[in-house]
Amino acid sequence: MTTSSRGSAGRPTRAVTTALEGTARRTVLPSGLRIVTESIPSTRSASLGVWVGIGSRDETPAMSGASHFLEHLLFKGTHKRTALQISAEIEAVGGETNAFTTKEYTCYYARVLDEDLPLAVDVLCDAVADSLLEPADVEIERGVILEEIAMHEDEPSDEVHDIFTEAIFGDHPLGRLISGTEESITPMTRNQINGFYRRRYTAPHIVIAAAGNLEHATVVRLVRKALAGTPLDASAADPAGPRARKRVRHQKPHTVVRNRDTEQAHVVLGGVGIGRLDERRFALGVLNNVLGGGMSSRLFQEIREKRGLAYSVYSYASQYADAGLFGVYAGCAPGKVEEVLDITRAELERVATKGLTAEEIARGKGMVRGSYVLGLEDSGSRMSRLAKSELLYGDLMGVDELLGRVDAVTAEDVDAIASELLTQQMSLAVVGPFDEAEFGRR
């Protein structure tokens, strides 16, 4: 462990490094930026991610879609590199780079050979810390994003989830589209986006994570060199903790129908879930797997295997800092919607009132355990685990501890979460050849 001296304000004036689980290490720079790594000597690759604790829920209605807009723009050029150079330098060594935006964070990542990690650090840090946001690039990406929004509207199996989320959260930021809308993206100016960039992309809100054949001290040195002289090479500050939990208001359960001339109807039935720090999340993982998490799940067996009513049917849970939702999706012929929903409701009621069998709970636990462990088979997934643990949870829970928490789930735990979530009044989102009045009679 590296100790630190502190300035008059009580903040560290030197980097502080601590050991985490196994070969994982964490360093907090004086700026408040955090660097977390995991050494995996058996691999020849390295994955790097710059994770920013800012997402679509941090936007005002007028700035809806700004985080996603910014994600596009940060690859368009810096003082050191053009957009072509940013992509070409990584691709020239056989690497790959990309980014994604969620409701609560944004990630910029690269995967390269271990020997090319210094290049990846320099390119990604440069792009995130020192983007130019040229007016011409803003206009080009505006067009790209508007096309992306239009394309999304042509994918009813995706659109129905957005409609369902809005039905649960309403006009709360969690209910808005990550991409924004045509109405918010069209008038957004370069100055507005740049202001959002400089106000939000600050060192205390950033985690740089890396996993692969690497040395922690080397990564720290590379990051500090890459950020020297940039806005992220800031004065001393404390790192931001996990997002504060606030009370999130939910909509009253209701039905939303989006009329589309489609061959297949898409439905999501569900309601309020739990937040990601809720201790019951492990029991919910078991419940979700048994109910609709795989080919052996109850919903898949009842709706697809036994009756052939739908090609795709599954349940899922989305969890945020202070809220969550739980839903069941099905895609089926329009004339089969009523039967699919009747079976779904009956199965939810059966699980809520009668619980799961011991065999089902054992299978659900096995699915959760397997997804945890098998999801750590490559450097990219390990990098993501490090970053999310630091950014979202404030702590890296060891794999053995995670598996222990799953093993500790009891039938009573699963029954309790099922009774709470599956007996509530539910909202319904529908995309297909229906109008609201017609569907209301079904």
Protein backbone atom coordinates (compact mmCIF):
# COMPACT_ATOMS: atom_id res chain seq x y z
CA MET A 1 0.00 0.00 0.00
CA THR A 2 1.26 3.48 -0.86
CA THR A 3 0.63 6.06 1.80
CA SER A 4 -0.08 9.66 0.92
CA SER A 5 0.49 13.11 2.26
CA ARG A 6 -2.37 15.55 2.45
CA GLY A 7 -2.63 19.22 1.66
CA SER A 8 -4.20 21.90 3.79
CA ALA A 9 -7.67 20.99 2.51
CA GLY A 10 -7.20 17.42 3.74
CA ARG A 11 -7.11 15.92 0.25
CA PRO A 12 -4.34 13.56 -0.95
CA THR A 13 -1.43 15.20 -2.75
CA ARG A 14 -0.01 11.84 -3.87
CA ALA A 15 -1.50 8.78 -5.52
CA VAL A 16 -2.87 6.16 -3.13
CA THR A 17 -2.62 2.50 -4.15
CA THR A 18 -4.38 -0.38 -2.43
CA ALA A 19 -4.59 -4.12 -3.07
CA LEU A 20 -7.98 -5.57 -3.94
CA GLU A 21 -8.99 -9.18 -4.55
CA GLY A 22 -6.27 -11.44 -5.97
CA THR A 23 -4.10 -9.55 -8.46
CA ALA A 24 -6.44 -6.55 -8.65
CA ARG A 25 -5.11 -3.16 -7.60
CA ARG A 26 -6.63 0.31 -7.15
CA THR A 27 -4.96 3.71 -7.32
CA VAL A 28 -6.62 7.04 -6.58
CA LEU A 29 -4.83 9.97 -8.19
CA PRO A 30 -4.78 13.35 -6.41
CA SER A 31 -7.36 14.58 -8.95
CA GLY A 32 -9.84 11.99 -7.68
CA LEU A 33 -9.58 9.87 -10.83
CA ARG A 34 -9.39 6.16 -10.06
CA ILE A 35 -7.37 3.45 -11.82
CA VAL A 36 -8.25 -0.20 -11.22
CA THR A 37 -6.44 -3.12 -12.84
CA GLU A 38 -6.27 -6.89 -12.73
CA SER A 39 -3.17 -8.76 -13.86
CA ILE A 40 -3.84 -11.91 -15.91
CA PRO A 41 -0.40 -13.19 -16.93
CA SER A 42 -1.85 -16.19 -18.80
CA THR A 43 -3.33 -14.04 -21.57
CA ARG A 44 -1.65 -12.06 -24.32
CA SER A 45 -4.41 -9.44 -24.55
CA ALA A 46 -5.31 -6.39 -22.54
CA SER A 47 -8.63 -4.57 -22.25
CA LEU A 48 -8.91 -0.95 -21.23
CA GLY A 49 -11.97 1.12 -20.41
CA VAL A 50 -12.53 4.74 -19.48
CA TRP A 51 -15.76 4.73 -17.49
CA VAL A 52 -17.55 7.99 -16.75
CA GLY A 53 -20.24 8.00 -14.07
CA ILE A 54 -22.54 10.12 -16.22
CA GLY A 55 -25.48 8.87 -18.27
CA SER A 56 -28.86 9.85 -19.62
CA ARG A 57 -30.44 10.20 -16.18
CA ASP A 58 -28.08 13.13 -15.52
CA GLU A 59 -29.62 15.20 -18.32
CA THR A 60 -32.34 17.83 -18.21
CA PRO A 61 -35.30 17.33 -20.57
CA ALA A 62 -33.83 19.90 -22.95
CA MET A 63 -30.49 18.06 -22.97
CA SER A 64 -31.99 14.59 -23.36
CA GLY A 65 -29.53 12.52 -25.37
CA ALA A 66 -26.49 14.70 -24.60
CA SER A 67 -24.47 11.83 -23.06
CA HIS A 68 -25.02 9.65 -26.12
CA PHE A 69 -24.34 12.59 -28.46
CA LEU A 70 -21.08 13.22 -26.62
CA GLU A 71 -20.11 9.57 -26.84
CA HIS A 72 -20.22 9.88 -30.63
CA LEU A 73 -18.26 13.12 -30.68
CA LEU A 74 -15.33 12.06 -28.52
CA PHE A 75 -14.02 9.86 -31.32
CA LYS A 76 -14.10 12.73 -33.84
CA GLY A 77 -10.74 14.31 -33.06
CA THR A 78 -8.50 15.95 -30.46
CA HIS A 79 -5.60 18.42 -30.55
CA LYS A 80 -3.28 15.45 -31.17
CA ARG A 81 -5.34 13.20 -33.45
CA THR A 82 -7.93 13.33 -36.20
CA ALA A 83 -10.92 11.00 -36.13
CA LEU A 84 -9.17 8.77 -38.67
CA GLN A 85 -6.02 8.60 -36.58
CA ILE A 86 -7.99 7.62 -33.46
CA SER A 87 -9.44 4.57 -35.19
CA ALA A 88 -6.49 3.81 -37.47
CA GLU A 89 -3.88 3.70 -34.70
CA ILE A 90 -5.83 1.04 -32.80
CA GLU A 91 -6.81 -0.96 -35.90
CA ALA A 92 -3.21 -0.90 -37.19
CA VAL A 93 -2.20 -3.16 -34.30
CA GLY A 94 -5.24 -5.42 -34.69
CA GLY A 95 -7.12 -3.86 -31.81
CA GLU A 96 -10.70 -2.74 -31.50
CA THR A 97 -12.31 0.24 -29.85
CA ASN A 98 -15.87 1.33 -29.22
CA ALA A 99 -18.15 3.01 -26.69
CA PHE A 100 -21.63 2.80 -25.22
CA THR A 101 -23.94 4.93 -23.13
CA THR A 102 -26.36 3.78 -20.43
CA LYS A 103 -28.73 5.60 -18.13
CA GLU A 104 -26.08 5.92 -15.39
CA TYR A 105 -22.66 5.76 -17.02
CA THR A 106 -20.74 5.93 -20.31
CA CYS A 107 -17.85 3.68 -21.31
CA TYR A 108 -15.08 4.07 -23.90
CA TYR A 109 -13.07 0.89 -24.36
CA ALA A 110 -10.36 -0.85 -26.36
CA ARG A 111 -8.95 -4.35 -26.59
CA VAL A 112 -5.43 -4.87 -27.86
CA LEU A 113 -2.40 -7.15 -27.61
CA ASP A 114 -0.69 -6.72 -24.26
CA GLU A 115 2.31 -5.04 -25.89
CA ASP A 116 0.03 -2.39 -27.40
CA LEU A 117 -1.61 -1.34 -24.12
CA PRO A 118 0.48 1.88 -23.96
CA LEU A 119 -1.00 2.92 -27.30
CA ALA A 120 -4.55 2.15 -26.16
CA VAL A 121 -4.08 4.18 -22.98
CA ASP A 122 -2.76 7.16 -24.91
CA VAL A 123 -5.50 7.07 -27.56
CA LEU A 124 -8.46 6.57 -25.20
CA CYS A 125 -7.27 9.08 -22.61
CA ASP A 126 -6.65 11.62 -25.37
CA ALA A 127 -10.13 11.12 -26.84
CA VAL A 128 -11.98 11.36 -23.54
CA ALA A 129 -9.96 14.19 -22.00
CA ASP A 130 -9.23 16.48 -24.94
CA SER A 131 -11.91 16.23 -27.60
CA LEU A 132 -12.35 19.28 -29.85
CA LEU A 133 -16.09 18.95 -30.57
CA GLU A 134 -15.71 20.79 -33.86
CA PRO A 135 -18.98 22.39 -35.08
CA ALA A 136 -18.81 20.48 -38.37
CA ASP A 137 -18.48 17.18 -36.50
CA VAL A 138 -21.44 18.07 -34.30
CA GLU A 139 -23.62 18.48 -37.38
CA ILE A 140 -22.40 15.24 -38.95
CA GLU A 141 -23.06 13.24 -35.79
CA ARG A 142 -26.43 14.92 -35.30
CA GLY A 143 -27.46 13.39 -38.61
CA VAL A 144 -26.06 10.00 -37.61
CA ILE A 145 -27.93 10.04 -34.28
CA LEU A 146 -31.21 11.08 -35.90
CA GLU A 147 -30.82 8.12 -38.26
CA GLU A 148 -30.08 5.89 -35.27
CA ILE A 149 -33.27 7.08 -33.55
CA ALA A 150 -35.30 6.42 -36.71
CA MET A 151 -33.74 2.97 -37.10
CA HIS A 152 -34.58 2.14 -33.49
CA GLU A 153 -38.22 3.02 -34.14
CA ASP A 154 -38.17 0.46 -36.95
CA GLU A 155 -37.23 -2.28 -34.46
CA PRO A 156 -40.44 -2.97 -32.52
CA SER A 157 -38.80 -5.65 -30.36
CA ASP A 158 -36.50 -2.90 -29.00
CA GLU A 159 -39.07 -0.12 -28.98
CA VAL A 160 -41.45 -2.04 -26.74
CA HIS A 161 -38.85 -2.07 -23.93
CA ASP A 162 -38.48 1.71 -24.12
CA ILE A 163 -42.25 2.11 -23.99
CA PHE A 164 -42.43 -0.19 -20.97
CA THR A 165 -39.65 1.68 -19.18
CA GLU A 166 -41.48 4.97 -19.74
CA ALA A 167 -44.69 3.37 -18.49
CA ILE A 168 -42.91 2.55 -15.21
CA PHE A 169 -40.87 5.74 -14.68
CA GLY A 170 -42.89 8.34 -16.60
CA ASP A 171 -41.10 11.64 -17.05
CA HIS A 172 -38.37 10.75 -14.55
CA PRO A 173 -34.95 10.71 -16.30
CA LEU A 174 -34.88 6.92 -15.99
CA GLY A 175 -37.94 6.81 -18.22
CA ARG A 176 -36.36 8.75 -21.07
CA LEU A 177 -34.59 7.36 -24.11
CA ILE A 178 -30.80 7.16 -23.83
CA SER A 179 -30.52 8.43 -27.38
CA GLY A 180 -32.80 11.38 -26.79
CA THR A 181 -35.53 12.21 -29.30
CA GLU A 182 -35.65 14.06 -32.57
CA GLU A 183 -37.14 17.00 -30.66
CA SER A 184 -34.21 17.18 -28.21
CA ILE A 185 -31.33 16.29 -30.56
CA THR A 186 -32.27 18.63 -33.42
CA PRO A 187 -31.89 21.96 -31.54
CA MET A 188 -28.97 20.91 -29.31
CA THR A 189 -26.00 23.24 -29.92
CA ARG A 190 -22.29 22.64 -29.87
CA ASN A 191 -21.91 25.03 -26.92
CA GLN A 192 -24.54 23.12 -24.93
CA ILE A 193 -22.80 19.80 -25.56
CA ASN A 194 -19.39 21.24 -24.76
CA GLY A 195 -20.72 22.73 -21.54
CA PHE A 196 -22.16 19.34 -20.57
CA TYR A 197 -18.80 17.74 -21.42
CA ARG A 198 -16.69 20.05 -19.32
CA ARG A 199 -19.07 20.17 -16.35
CA ARG A 200 -19.70 16.44 -16.18
CA TYR A 201 -16.53 14.73 -17.39
CA THR A 202 -14.44 15.52 -14.33
CA ALA A 203 -11.71 13.40 -12.75
CA PRO A 204 -13.66 12.38 -9.59
CA HIS A 205 -16.38 10.83 -11.80
CA ILE A 206 -13.99 8.77 -13.94
CA VAL A 207 -12.66 5.25 -13.47
CA ILE A 208 -10.01 3.84 -15.79
CA ALA A 209 -10.02 0.05 -15.70
CA ALA A 210 -7.66 -2.43 -17.34
CA ALA A 211 -7.29 -6.19 -17.26
CA GLY A 212 -4.89 -8.55 -18.98
CA ASN A 213 -1.17 -9.18 -19.11
CA LEU A 214 -0.13 -5.96 -17.41
CA GLU A 215 1.50 -4.39 -14.38
CA HIS A 216 -0.55 -2.01 -12.29
CA ALA A 217 2.26 0.50 -11.72
CA THR A 218 2.90 0.67 -15.46
CA VAL A 219 -0.75 1.39 -16.21
CA VAL A 220 -0.82 4.15 -13.59
CA ARG A 221 2.29 5.70 -15.09
CA LEU A 222 0.84 5.53 -18.62
CA VAL A 223 -2.44 7.12 -17.54
CA ARG A 224 -0.74 9.95 -15.71
CA LYS A 225 1.45 10.65 -18.71
CA ALA A 226 -1.52 10.58 -21.12
CA LEU A 227 -3.61 12.95 -18.97
CA ALA A 228 -0.82 15.41 -18.17
CA GLY A 229 -1.85 18.91 -19.18
CA THR A 230 -5.47 17.94 -20.00
CA PRO A 231 -8.60 19.08 -18.13
CA LEU A 232 -8.51 15.74 -16.27
CA ASP A 233 -5.10 16.57 -14.83
CA ALA A 234 -6.96 18.60 -12.25
CA SER A 235 -6.31 19.94 -8.78
CA ALA A 236 -6.76 17.67 -5.76
CA ALA A 237 -10.25 16.29 -5.21
CA ASP A 238 -11.90 13.30 -3.61
CA PRO A 239 -13.32 10.60 -5.92
CA ALA A 240 -17.08 10.53 -6.28
CA GLY A 241 -18.75 7.70 -4.41
CA PRO A 242 -21.51 5.49 -5.80
CA ARG A 243 -24.50 7.43 -7.09
CA ALA A 244 -26.68 8.78 -4.29
CA ARG A 245 -29.95 6.94 -3.88
CA LYS A 246 -33.05 9.09 -4.12
CA ARG A 247 -36.72 8.39 -4.03
CA VAL A 248 -37.95 7.59 -7.54
CA ARG A 249 -41.61 8.07 -8.27
CA HIS A 250 -43.30 5.45 -10.40
CA GLN A 251 -46.31 5.70 -12.65
CA LYS A 252 -49.55 4.03 -11.72
CA PRO A 253 -49.86 0.72 -13.58
CA HIS A 254 -51.37 1.22 -17.02
CA THR A 255 -51.36 -0.04 -20.61
CA VAL A 256 -49.55 1.70 -23.47
CA VAL A 257 -50.20 0.61 -27.05
CA ARG A 258 -48.07 1.76 -29.97
CA ASN A 259 -49.81 1.04 -33.25
CA ARG A 260 -47.43 -0.45 -35.80
CA ASP A 261 -48.24 -2.40 -38.96
CA THR A 262 -46.15 -5.40 -37.96
CA GLU A 263 -46.44 -9.10 -38.65
CA GLN A 264 -45.64 -9.84 -35.02
CA ALA A 265 -46.89 -8.25 -31.82
CA HIS A 266 -44.39 -7.37 -29.10
CA VAL A 267 -45.48 -7.15 -25.47
CA VAL A 268 -43.82 -6.47 -22.13
CA LEU A 269 -45.75 -7.07 -18.92
CA GLY A 270 -44.24 -6.09 -15.58
CA GLY A 271 -43.76 -3.57 -12.84
CA VAL A 272 -41.45 -2.02 -10.29
CA GLY A 273 -38.30 -3.95 -9.35
CA ILE A 274 -35.43 -3.38 -6.90
CA GLY A 275 -32.24 -1.31 -6.96
CA ARG A 276 -28.83 -2.81 -7.63
CA LEU A 277 -27.65 -2.48 -4.00
CA ASP A 278 -30.70 -4.27 -2.63
CA GLU A 279 -29.57 -7.38 -0.75
CA ARG A 280 -32.42 -9.31 -2.37
CA ARG A 281 -30.80 -9.05 -5.80
CA PHE A 282 -29.32 -12.53 -5.47
CA ALA A 283 -32.72 -14.06 -4.77
CA LEU A 284 -34.15 -12.09 -7.68
CA GLY A 285 -31.45 -13.51 -9.95
CA VAL A 286 -32.50 -17.04 -9.00
CA LEU A 287 -36.19 -16.22 -9.47
CA ASN A 288 -35.63 -14.58 -12.84
CA ASN A 289 -33.68 -17.53 -14.21
CA VAL A 290 -36.34 -20.04 -13.23
CA LEU A 291 -39.22 -17.91 -14.40
CA GLY A 292 -37.91 -16.80 -17.79
CA GLY A 293 -34.13 -16.90 -17.95
CA GLY A 294 -33.47 -19.81 -20.28
CA MET A 295 -34.86 -22.67 -22.33
CA SER A 296 -35.68 -24.64 -19.18
CA SER A 297 -37.58 -21.71 -17.63
CA ARG A 298 -41.27 -21.92 -16.88
CA LEU A 299 -42.34 -19.26 -19.36
CA PHE A 300 -40.26 -20.68 -22.21
CA GLN A 301 -41.59 -24.16 -21.58
CA GLU A 302 -45.24 -23.14 -21.22
CA ILE A 303 -45.47 -20.59 -24.02
CA ARG A 304 -43.01 -21.83 -26.64
CA GLU A 305 -42.24 -25.48 -26.07
CA LYS A 306 -45.68 -26.77 -25.07
CA ARG A 307 -47.88 -24.45 -27.14
CA GLY A 308 -45.70 -22.89 -29.83
CA LEU A 309 -47.26 -19.47 -29.23
CA ALA A 310 -44.08 -17.38 -29.45
CA TYR A 311 -40.58 -17.65 -30.82
CA SER A 312 -39.05 -15.42 -28.13
CA VAL A 313 -40.19 -15.17 -24.52
CA TYR A 314 -38.14 -14.24 -21.46
CA SER A 315 -38.17 -12.35 -18.17
CA TYR A 316 -35.62 -9.77 -17.09
CA ALA A 317 -34.73 -7.31 -14.34
CA SER A 318 -33.13 -3.89 -14.80
CA GLN A 319 -31.49 -2.37 -11.74
CA TYR A 320 -30.32 1.18 -11.09
CA ALA A 321 -28.87 2.97 -8.06
CA ASP A 322 -32.24 3.67 -6.50
CA ALA A 323 -34.86 1.90 -8.59
CA GLY A 324 -35.53 -1.07 -10.83
CA LEU A 325 -38.08 -2.82 -12.97
CA PHE A 326 -39.08 -6.39 -13.70
CA GLY A 327 -40.69 -7.49 -16.94
CA VAL A 328 -41.68 -10.36 -19.19
CA TYR A 329 -41.25 -9.99 -22.96
CA ALA A 330 -42.94 -12.03 -25.68
CA GLY A 331 -43.09 -11.71 -29.44
CA CYS A 332 -46.00 -13.52 -31.06
CA ALA A 333 -48.64 -13.35 -33.79
CA PRO A 334 -51.16 -10.56 -33.07
CA GLY A 335 -53.98 -13.05 -32.73
CA LYS A 336 -52.15 -14.92 -29.99
CA VAL A 337 -51.42 -11.97 -27.70
CA GLU A 338 -54.39 -12.55 -25.42
CA GLU A 339 -53.49 -16.21 -24.87
CA VAL A 340 -49.81 -15.42 -24.27
CA LEU A 341 -50.69 -12.77 -21.69
CA ASP A 342 -53.18 -15.08 -19.95
CA ILE A 343 -50.56 -17.81 -19.63
CA THR A 344 -47.95 -15.32 -18.45
CA ARG A 345 -50.22 -13.87 -15.76
CA ALA A 346 -51.22 -17.35 -14.62
CA GLU A 347 -47.58 -18.43 -14.34
CA LEU A 348 -46.63 -15.31 -12.39
CA GLU A 349 -49.50 -15.92 -9.98
CA ARG A 350 -48.58 -19.58 -9.61
CA VAL A 351 -44.98 -18.77 -8.72
CA ALA A 352 -46.03 -15.98 -6.34
CA THR A 353 -48.51 -18.15 -4.44
CA LYS A 354 -46.95 -21.61 -4.62
CA GLY A 355 -43.27 -20.81 -4.91
CA LEU A 356 -40.58 -22.78 -6.73
CA THR A 357 -39.54 -26.38 -6.25
CA ALA A 358 -36.24 -27.28 -4.62
CA GLU A 359 -35.03 -28.56 -7.98
CA GLU A 360 -35.89 -25.26 -9.66
CA ILE A 361 -34.11 -23.22 -7.01
CA ALA A 362 -31.02 -25.39 -7.36
CA ARG A 363 -31.13 -24.91 -11.13
CA GLY A 364 -31.64 -21.16 -10.76
CA LYS A 365 -28.64 -20.93 -8.45
CA GLY A 366 -26.54 -22.90 -10.87
CA MET A 367 -27.45 -20.54 -13.69
CA VAL A 368 -26.48 -17.50 -11.63
CA ARG A 369 -23.22 -19.09 -10.51
CA GLY A 370 -22.35 -20.10 -14.05
CA SER A 371 -23.09 -16.66 -15.48
CA TYR A 372 -20.79 -15.04 -12.90
CA VAL A 373 -17.85 -17.36 -13.47
CA LEU A 374 -18.14 -17.94 -17.22
CA GLY A 375 -18.54 -14.20 -17.67
CA LEU A 376 -14.98 -13.72 -16.44
CA GLU A 377 -13.31 -15.78 -19.14
CA ASP A 378 -11.79 -12.87 -21.07
CA SER A 379 -9.96 -9.64 -20.29
CA GLY A 380 -12.87 -7.47 -21.45
CA SER A 381 -15.36 -8.94 -19.00
CA ARG A 382 -12.85 -8.73 -16.15
CA MET A 383 -12.15 -5.10 -16.99
CA SER A 384 -15.88 -4.36 -16.93
CA ARG A 385 -16.29 -6.13 -13.58
CA LEU A 386 -13.54 -4.00 -12.05
CA ALA A 387 -14.99 -0.75 -13.37
CA LYS A 388 -18.58 -1.46 -12.40
CA SER A 389 -17.55 -2.56 -8.92
CA GLU A 390 -15.68 0.70 -8.40
CA LEU A 391 -18.11 3.02 -10.13
CA LEU A 392 -21.48 1.53 -9.18
CA TYR A 393 -20.90 -0.42 -5.98
CA GLY A 394 -17.88 1.25 -4.40
CA ASP A 395 -16.37 -2.13 -3.61
CA LEU A 396 -14.98 -5.17 -5.44
CA MET A 397 -16.74 -8.26 -4.15
CA GLY A 398 -14.63 -11.35 -4.66
CA VAL A 399 -15.88 -14.17 -6.85
CA ASP A 400 -15.96 -16.59 -3.92
CA GLU A 401 -18.00 -14.10 -1.92
CA LEU A 402 -20.40 -13.60 -4.82
CA LEU A 403 -20.87 -17.34 -5.19
CA GLY A 404 -21.35 -17.62 -1.44
CA ARG A 405 -24.11 -15.02 -1.55
CA VAL A 406 -25.86 -17.03 -4.26
CA ASP A 407 -25.47 -20.28 -2.35
CA ALA A 408 -26.97 -18.60 0.72
CA VAL A 409 -30.25 -17.83 -1.08
CA THR A 410 -33.08 -19.82 0.50
CA ALA A 411 -36.49 -20.86 -0.78
CA GLU A 412 -37.96 -18.35 1.66
CA ASP A 413 -35.85 -15.57 0.10
CA VAL A 414 -37.10 -16.41 -3.37
CA ASP A 415 -40.70 -16.74 -2.18
CA ALA A 416 -40.52 -13.31 -0.53
CA ILE A 417 -39.24 -11.46 -3.59
CA ALA A 418 -41.68 -13.35 -5.84
CA SER A 419 -44.58 -12.43 -3.58
CA GLU A 420 -43.60 -8.77 -3.70
CA LEU A 421 -42.85 -8.38 -7.40
CA LEU A 422 -45.22 -10.82 -9.05
CA THR A 423 -48.42 -9.89 -7.21
CA GLN A 424 -48.23 -6.15 -7.84
CA GLN A 425 -50.49 -4.47 -10.36
CA MET A 426 -48.55 -4.40 -13.61
CA SER A 427 -48.10 -2.16 -16.60
CA LEU A 428 -48.30 -3.46 -20.14
CA ALA A 429 -46.50 -2.16 -23.23
CA VAL A 430 -47.60 -3.32 -26.67
CA VAL A 431 -46.25 -2.68 -30.16
CA GLY A 432 -48.29 -4.11 -33.00
CA PRO A 433 -51.37 -3.70 -35.20
CA PHE A 434 -53.66 -2.56 -32.40
CA ASP A 435 -55.19 0.69 -31.31
CA GLU A 436 -55.52 1.48 -27.63
CA ALA A 437 -59.27 1.12 -27.51
CA GLU A 438 -59.21 -2.19 -29.34
CA PHE A 439 -56.53 -3.59 -27.12
CA GLY A 440 -58.31 -2.43 -24.03
CA ARG A 441 -61.17 -4.78 -24.92
CA ARG A 442 -58.91 -7.82 -25.04
